[in-house]
């Protein structure tokens, strides 16, 4: 099953000048797995969404394209 592409995680990664491999290492997942998430080949599990949100200091809603607001609600 093909899911929606996660364009925001790709944009954030590219804006940070990171490779998929470097980001995978930063959040402790293999590069290939991260590539599947970015391309929409696999859904991103909650623990990975949280790791990405923490890494980029944005909300999970922002990563999922549910808001334009990057800020965390703390």
PDB file of N, CA and C in Angstrom:
ATOM      1  N   UNK A   1       0.833  -1.176   0.000  1.00  0.00           N
ATOM      2  CA  UNK A   1       0.000   0.000   0.000  1.00  0.00           C
ATOM      3  C   UNK A   1       0.886   1.252   0.000  1.00  0.00           C
ATOM      4  N   UNK A   2       0.693   2.095  -0.953  1.00  0.00           N
ATOM      5  CA  UNK A   2       1.440   3.353  -1.053  1.00  0.00           C
ATOM      6  C   UNK A   2       0.735   4.407  -0.209  1.00  0.00           C
ATOM      7  N   UNK A   3       1.496   5.081   0.633  1.00  0.00           N
ATOM      8  CA  UNK A   3       0.942   6.133   1.468  1.00  0.00           C
ATOM      9  C   UNK A   3       1.415   7.489   0.939  1.00  0.00           C
ATOM     10  N   UNK A   4       0.896   8.530   1.511  1.00  0.00           N
ATOM     11  CA  UNK A   4       1.254   9.889   1.109  1.00  0.00           C
ATOM     12  C   UNK A   4       2.745  10.131   1.297  1.00  0.00           C
ATOM     13  N   UNK A   5       3.348  10.828   0.343  1.00  0.00           N
ATOM     14  CA  UNK A   5       4.745  11.217   0.479  1.00  0.00           C
ATOM     15  C   UNK A   5       4.881  12.193   1.638  1.00  0.00           C
ATOM     16  N   UNK A   6       5.939  12.060   2.367  1.00  0.00           N
ATOM     17  CA  UNK A   6       6.206  12.951   3.492  1.00  0.00           C
ATOM     18  C   UNK A   6       7.192  14.026   3.038  1.00  0.00           C
ATOM     19  N   UNK A   7       6.681  14.997   2.292  1.00  0.00           N
ATOM     20  CA  UNK A   7       7.529  16.036   1.713  1.00  0.00           C
ATOM     21  C   UNK A   7       8.214  16.884   2.780  1.00  0.00           C
ATOM     22  N   UNK A   8       7.535  17.111   3.896  1.00  0.00           N
ATOM     23  CA  UNK A   8       8.126  17.976   4.922  1.00  0.00           C
ATOM     24  C   UNK A   8       9.406  17.380   5.504  1.00  0.00           C
ATOM     25  N   UNK A   9       9.440  16.067   5.716  1.00  0.00           N
ATOM     26  CA  UNK A   9      10.659  15.508   6.297  1.00  0.00           C
ATOM     27  C   UNK A   9      11.816  15.604   5.302  1.00  0.00           C
ATOM     28  N   UNK A  10      11.491  15.492   4.027  1.00  0.00           N
ATOM     29  CA  UNK A  10      12.545  15.664   3.016  1.00  0.00           C
ATOM     30  C   UNK A  10      13.034  17.117   2.999  1.00  0.00           C
ATOM     31  N   UNK A  11      12.091  18.056   3.008  1.00  0.00           N
ATOM     32  CA  UNK A  11      12.470  19.473   2.984  1.00  0.00           C
ATOM     33  C   UNK A  11      13.318  19.842   4.197  1.00  0.00           C
ATOM     34  N   UNK A  12      12.918  19.392   5.374  1.00  0.00           N
ATOM     35  CA  UNK A  12      13.689  19.686   6.586  1.00  0.00           C
ATOM     36  C   UNK A  12      15.086  19.091   6.503  1.00  0.00           C
ATOM     37  N   UNK A  13      15.176  17.866   6.015  1.00  0.00           N
ATOM     38  CA  UNK A  13      16.485  17.218   5.879  1.00  0.00           C
ATOM     39  C   UNK A  13      17.375  17.976   4.914  1.00  0.00           C
ATOM     40  N   UNK A  14      16.822  18.339   3.758  1.00  0.00           N
ATOM     41  CA  UNK A  14      17.616  19.063   2.768  1.00  0.00           C
ATOM     42  C   UNK A  14      18.003  20.454   3.274  1.00  0.00           C
ATOM     43  N   UNK A  15      17.090  21.128   3.965  1.00  0.00           N
ATOM     44  CA  UNK A  15      17.401  22.450   4.527  1.00  0.00           C
ATOM     45  C   UNK A  15      18.543  22.369   5.541  1.00  0.00           C
ATOM     46  N   UNK A  16      18.647  21.235   6.218  1.00  0.00           N
ATOM     47  CA  UNK A  16      19.715  21.035   7.203  1.00  0.00           C
ATOM     48  C   UNK A  16      20.991  20.476   6.553  1.00  0.00           C
ATOM     49  N   UNK A  17      20.979  20.328   5.232  1.00  0.00           N
ATOM     50  CA  UNK A  17      22.124  19.778   4.481  1.00  0.00           C
ATOM     51  C   UNK A  17      22.544  18.412   5.005  1.00  0.00           C
ATOM     52  N   UNK A  18      21.550  17.556   5.258  1.00  0.00           N
ATOM     53  CA  UNK A  18      21.822  16.200   5.741  1.00  0.00           C
ATOM     54  C   UNK A  18      21.514  15.186   4.655  1.00  0.00           C
ATOM     55  N   UNK A  19      22.260  14.104   4.641  1.00  0.00           N
ATOM     56  CA  UNK A  19      21.919  12.972   3.787  1.00  0.00           C
ATOM     57  C   UNK A  19      20.918  12.097   4.532  1.00  0.00           C
ATOM     58  N   UNK A  20      20.275  11.216   3.808  1.00  0.00           N
ATOM     59  CA  UNK A  20      19.378  10.261   4.454  1.00  0.00           C
ATOM     60  C   UNK A  20      20.154   9.402   5.446  1.00  0.00           C
ATOM     61  N   UNK A  21      21.362   9.029   5.092  1.00  0.00           N
ATOM     62  CA  UNK A  21      22.183   8.193   5.983  1.00  0.00           C
ATOM     63  C   UNK A  21      22.508   8.940   7.277  1.00  0.00           C
ATOM     64  N   UNK A  22      22.877  10.213   7.163  1.00  0.00           N
ATOM     65  CA  UNK A  22      23.226  10.998   8.356  1.00  0.00           C
ATOM     66  C   UNK A  22      22.010  11.169   9.263  1.00  0.00           C
ATOM     67  N   UNK A  23      20.867  11.434   8.679  1.00  0.00           N
ATOM     68  CA  UNK A  23      19.668  11.584   9.494  1.00  0.00           C
ATOM     69  C   UNK A  23      19.281  10.255  10.123  1.00  0.00           C
ATOM     70  N   UNK A  24      19.391   9.183   9.367  1.00  0.00           N
ATOM     71  CA  UNK A  24      19.108   7.865   9.924  1.00  0.00           C
ATOM     72  C   UNK A  24      19.973   7.564  11.132  1.00  0.00           C
ATOM     73  N   UNK A  25      21.259   7.880  11.027  1.00  0.00           N
ATOM     74  CA  UNK A  25      22.150   7.673  12.169  1.00  0.00           C
ATOM     75  C   UNK A  25      21.716   8.528  13.355  1.00  0.00           C
ATOM     76  N   UNK A  26      21.295   9.764  13.082  1.00  0.00           N
ATOM     77  CA  UNK A  26      20.910  10.684  14.158  1.00  0.00           C
ATOM     78  C   UNK A  26      19.687  10.194  14.930  1.00  0.00           C
ATOM     79  N   UNK A  27      18.773   9.504  14.232  1.00  0.00           N
ATOM     80  CA  UNK A  27      17.562   9.024  14.918  1.00  0.00           C
ATOM     81  C   UNK A  27      17.547   7.498  15.056  1.00  0.00           C
ATOM     82  N   UNK A  28      18.681   6.888  14.736  1.00  0.00           N
ATOM     83  CA  UNK A  28      18.889   5.454  14.966  1.00  0.00           C
ATOM     84  C   UNK A  28      17.995   4.538  14.122  1.00  0.00           C
ATOM     85  N   UNK A  29      17.922   4.846  12.826  1.00  0.00           N
ATOM     86  CA  UNK A  29      17.251   3.948  11.883  1.00  0.00           C
ATOM     87  C   UNK A  29      18.138   3.828  10.636  1.00  0.00           C
ATOM     88  N   UNK A  30      18.048   2.711   9.916  1.00  0.00           N
ATOM     89  CA  UNK A  30      18.850   2.558   8.700  1.00  0.00           C
ATOM     90  C   UNK A  30      18.448   3.561   7.611  1.00  0.00           C
ATOM     91  N   UNK A  31      19.407   3.921   6.781  1.00  0.00           N
ATOM     92  CA  UNK A  31      19.145   4.865   5.692  1.00  0.00           C
ATOM     93  C   UNK A  31      18.009   4.390   4.804  1.00  0.00           C
ATOM     94  N   UNK A  32      18.004   3.116   4.455  1.00  0.00           N
ATOM     95  CA  UNK A  32      16.978   2.582   3.550  1.00  0.00           C
ATOM     96  C   UNK A  32      15.589   2.724   4.168  1.00  0.00           C
ATOM     97  N   UNK A  33      15.480   2.467   5.453  1.00  0.00           N
ATOM     98  CA  UNK A  33      14.198   2.608   6.140  1.00  0.00           C
ATOM     99  C   UNK A  33      13.738   4.059   6.087  1.00  0.00           C
ATOM    100  N   UNK A  34      14.667   4.981   6.377  1.00  0.00           N
ATOM    101  CA  UNK A  34      14.318   6.395   6.310  1.00  0.00           C
ATOM    102  C   UNK A  34      13.870   6.763   4.894  1.00  0.00           C
ATOM    103  N   UNK A  35      14.556   6.263   3.888  1.00  0.00           N
ATOM    104  CA  UNK A  35      14.197   6.561   2.495  1.00  0.00           C
ATOM    105  C   UNK A  35      12.776   6.087   2.191  1.00  0.00           C
ATOM    106  N   UNK A  36      12.399   4.923   2.721  1.00  0.00           N
ATOM    107  CA  UNK A  36      11.028   4.439   2.536  1.00  0.00           C
ATOM    108  C   UNK A  36      10.018   5.401   3.155  1.00  0.00           C
ATOM    109  N   UNK A  37      10.320   5.934   4.316  1.00  0.00           N
ATOM    110  CA  UNK A  37       9.419   6.888   4.958  1.00  0.00           C
ATOM    111  C   UNK A  37       9.301   8.154   4.124  1.00  0.00           C
ATOM    112  N   UNK A  38      10.420   8.667   3.697  1.00  0.00           N
ATOM    113  CA  UNK A  38      10.431   9.927   2.946  1.00  0.00           C
ATOM    114  C   UNK A  38       9.668   9.800   1.634  1.00  0.00           C
ATOM    115  N   UNK A  39       9.774   8.673   0.974  1.00  0.00           N
ATOM    116  CA  UNK A  39       9.126   8.470  -0.319  1.00  0.00           C
ATOM    117  C   UNK A  39       7.671   8.041  -0.204  1.00  0.00           C
ATOM    118  N   UNK A  40       7.237   7.701   1.005  1.00  0.00           N
ATOM    119  CA  UNK A  40       5.867   7.247   1.178  1.00  0.00           C
ATOM    120  C   UNK A  40       5.678   5.754   0.945  1.00  0.00           C
ATOM    121  N   UNK A  41       6.779   5.020   0.808  1.00  0.00           N
ATOM    122  CA  UNK A  41       6.686   3.571   0.628  1.00  0.00           C
ATOM    123  C   UNK A  41       6.207   2.888   1.912  1.00  0.00           C
ATOM    124  N   UNK A  42       6.502   3.515   3.042  1.00  0.00           N
ATOM    125  CA  UNK A  42       6.063   2.996   4.346  1.00  0.00           C
ATOM    126  C   UNK A  42       5.537   4.146   5.191  1.00  0.00           C
ATOM    127  N   UNK A  43       4.581   3.834   6.040  1.00  0.00           N
ATOM    128  CA  UNK A  43       4.099   4.829   6.995  1.00  0.00           C
ATOM    129  C   UNK A  43       5.140   5.008   8.091  1.00  0.00           C
ATOM    130  N   UNK A  44       5.245   6.216   8.598  1.00  0.00           N
ATOM    131  CA  UNK A  44       6.208   6.494   9.659  1.00  0.00           C
ATOM    132  C   UNK A  44       5.590   6.107  10.996  1.00  0.00           C
ATOM    133  N   UNK A  45       6.223   5.199  11.747  1.00  0.00           N
ATOM    134  CA  UNK A  45       5.671   4.814  13.046  1.00  0.00           C
ATOM    135  C   UNK A  45       5.773   5.970  14.053  1.00  0.00           C
ATOM    136  N   UNK A  46       4.899   5.963  15.045  1.00  0.00           N
ATOM    137  CA  UNK A  46       4.876   7.066  16.018  1.00  0.00           C
ATOM    138  C   UNK A  46       6.222   7.365  16.667  1.00  0.00           C
ATOM    139  N   UNK A  47       6.987   6.337  17.029  1.00  0.00           N
ATOM    140  CA  UNK A  47       8.261   6.615  17.699  1.00  0.00           C
ATOM    141  C   UNK A  47       9.253   7.314  16.775  1.00  0.00           C
ATOM    142  N   UNK A  48       9.183   7.060  15.481  1.00  0.00           N
ATOM    143  CA  UNK A  48      10.058   7.739  14.530  1.00  0.00           C
ATOM    144  C   UNK A  48       9.567   9.167  14.302  1.00  0.00           C
ATOM    145  N   UNK A  49       8.253   9.360  14.228  1.00  0.00           N
ATOM    146  CA  UNK A  49       7.713  10.716  14.123  1.00  0.00           C
ATOM    147  C   UNK A  49       8.167  11.573  15.299  1.00  0.00           C
ATOM    148  N   UNK A  50       8.108  11.018  16.470  1.00  0.00           N
ATOM    149  CA  UNK A  50       8.546  11.744  17.673  1.00  0.00           C
ATOM    150  C   UNK A  50      10.036  12.055  17.613  1.00  0.00           C
ATOM    151  N   UNK A  51      10.839  11.095  17.150  1.00  0.00           N
ATOM    152  CA  UNK A  51      12.279  11.322  17.038  1.00  0.00           C
ATOM    153  C   UNK A  51      12.583  12.430  16.025  1.00  0.00           C
ATOM    154  N   UNK A  52      11.877  12.433  14.912  1.00  0.00           N
ATOM    155  CA  UNK A  52      12.072  13.476  13.907  1.00  0.00           C
ATOM    156  C   UNK A  52      11.632  14.841  14.435  1.00  0.00           C
ATOM    157  N   UNK A  53      10.486  14.876  15.090  1.00  0.00           N
ATOM    158  CA  UNK A  53       9.993  16.136  15.658  1.00  0.00           C
ATOM    159  C   UNK A  53      10.979  16.674  16.692  1.00  0.00           C
ATOM    160  N   UNK A  54      11.501  15.806  17.538  1.00  0.00           N
ATOM    161  CA  UNK A  54      12.487  16.223  18.534  1.00  0.00           C
ATOM    162  C   UNK A  54      13.773  16.715  17.861  1.00  0.00           C
ATOM    163  N   UNK A  55      14.213  15.997  16.853  1.00  0.00           N
ATOM    164  CA  UNK A  55      15.452  16.360  16.162  1.00  0.00           C
ATOM    165  C   UNK A  55      15.348  17.755  15.539  1.00  0.00           C
ATOM    166  N   UNK A  56      14.237  18.000  14.842  1.00  0.00           N
ATOM    167  CA  UNK A  56      14.050  19.276  14.157  1.00  0.00           C
ATOM    168  C   UNK A  56      13.390  20.343  15.031  1.00  0.00           C
ATOM    169  N   UNK A  57      12.971  19.969  16.218  1.00  0.00           N
ATOM    170  CA  UNK A  57      12.283  20.862  17.150  1.00  0.00           C
ATOM    171  C   UNK A  57      11.045  21.490  16.503  1.00  0.00           C
ATOM    172  N   UNK A  58      10.233  20.608  15.926  1.00  0.00           N
ATOM    173  CA  UNK A  58       8.955  21.005  15.335  1.00  0.00           C
ATOM    174  C   UNK A  58       7.876  20.073  15.873  1.00  0.00           C
ATOM    175  N   UNK A  59       6.636  20.400  15.592  1.00  0.00           N
ATOM    176  CA  UNK A  59       5.545  19.542  16.043  1.00  0.00           C
ATOM    177  C   UNK A  59       5.350  18.372  15.077  1.00  0.00           C
ATOM    178  N   UNK A  60       4.790  17.303  15.588  1.00  0.00           N
ATOM    179  CA  UNK A  60       4.445  16.156  14.744  1.00  0.00           C
ATOM    180  C   UNK A  60       3.393  16.588  13.723  1.00  0.00           C
ATOM    181  N   UNK A  61       2.472  17.448  14.131  1.00  0.00           N
ATOM    182  CA  UNK A  61       1.458  17.951  13.190  1.00  0.00           C
ATOM    183  C   UNK A  61       2.122  18.662  12.005  1.00  0.00           C
ATOM    184  N   UNK A  62       3.195  19.385  12.266  1.00  0.00           N
ATOM    185  CA  UNK A  62       3.914  20.042  11.173  1.00  0.00           C
ATOM    186  C   UNK A  62       4.517  18.994  10.234  1.00  0.00           C
ATOM    187  N   UNK A  63       5.135  17.972  10.792  1.00  0.00           N
ATOM    188  CA  UNK A  63       5.726  16.915   9.958  1.00  0.00           C
ATOM    189  C   UNK A  63       4.683  16.237   9.093  1.00  0.00           C
ATOM    190  N   UNK A  64       3.476  16.081   9.629  1.00  0.00           N
ATOM    191  CA  UNK A  64       2.402  15.394   8.910  1.00  0.00           C
ATOM    192  C   UNK A  64       1.589  16.328   8.021  1.00  0.00           C
ATOM    193  N   UNK A  65       2.040  17.581   7.903  1.00  0.00           N
ATOM    194  CA  UNK A  65       1.392  18.556   7.037  1.00  0.00           C
ATOM    195  C   UNK A  65      -0.026  18.901   7.498  1.00  0.00           C
ATOM    196  N   UNK A  66      -0.233  18.837   8.825  1.00  0.00           N
ATOM    197  CA  UNK A  66      -1.539  19.171   9.385  1.00  0.00           C
ATOM    198  C   UNK A  66      -1.609  20.624   9.829  1.00  0.00           C
ATOM    199  N   UNK A  67      -0.463  21.300   9.836  1.00  0.00           N
ATOM    200  CA  UNK A  67      -0.386  22.707  10.210  1.00  0.00           C
ATOM    201  C   UNK A  67       0.816  23.336   9.528  1.00  0.00           C
ATOM    202  N   UNK A  68       0.766  24.631   9.378  1.00  0.00           N
ATOM    203  CA  UNK A  68       1.913  25.376   8.862  1.00  0.00           C
ATOM    204  C   UNK A  68       2.796  25.877   9.998  1.00  0.00           C
ATOM    205  N   UNK A  69       2.313  25.733  11.228  1.00  0.00           N
ATOM    206  CA  UNK A  69       3.021  26.218  12.411  1.00  0.00           C
ATOM    207  C   UNK A  69       4.062  25.196  12.844  1.00  0.00           C
ATOM    208  N   UNK A  70       5.341  25.572  12.774  1.00  0.00           N
ATOM    209  CA  UNK A  70       6.423  24.672  13.173  1.00  0.00           C
ATOM    210  C   UNK A  70       6.554  24.548  14.680  1.00  0.00           C
ATOM    211  N   UNK A  71       6.061  25.539  15.419  1.00  0.00           N
ATOM    212  CA  UNK A  71       6.304  25.604  16.854  1.00  0.00           C
ATOM    213  C   UNK A  71       5.697  24.436  17.616  1.00  0.00           C
ATOM    214  N   UNK A  72       6.429  24.032  18.638  1.00  0.00           N
ATOM    215  CA  UNK A  72       5.930  23.000  19.539  1.00  0.00           C
ATOM    216  C   UNK A  72       4.990  23.634  20.537  1.00  0.00           C
ATOM    217  N   UNK A  73       3.966  22.915  20.927  1.00  0.00           N
ATOM    218  CA  UNK A  73       3.054  23.390  21.970  1.00  0.00           C
ATOM    219  C   UNK A  73       3.502  22.804  23.283  1.00  0.00           C
ATOM    220  N   UNK A  74       4.244  23.594  24.046  1.00  0.00           N
ATOM    221  CA  UNK A  74       4.766  23.107  25.322  1.00  0.00           C
ATOM    222  C   UNK A  74       4.189  23.889  26.453  1.00  0.00           C
TER     223      UNK A  74
END
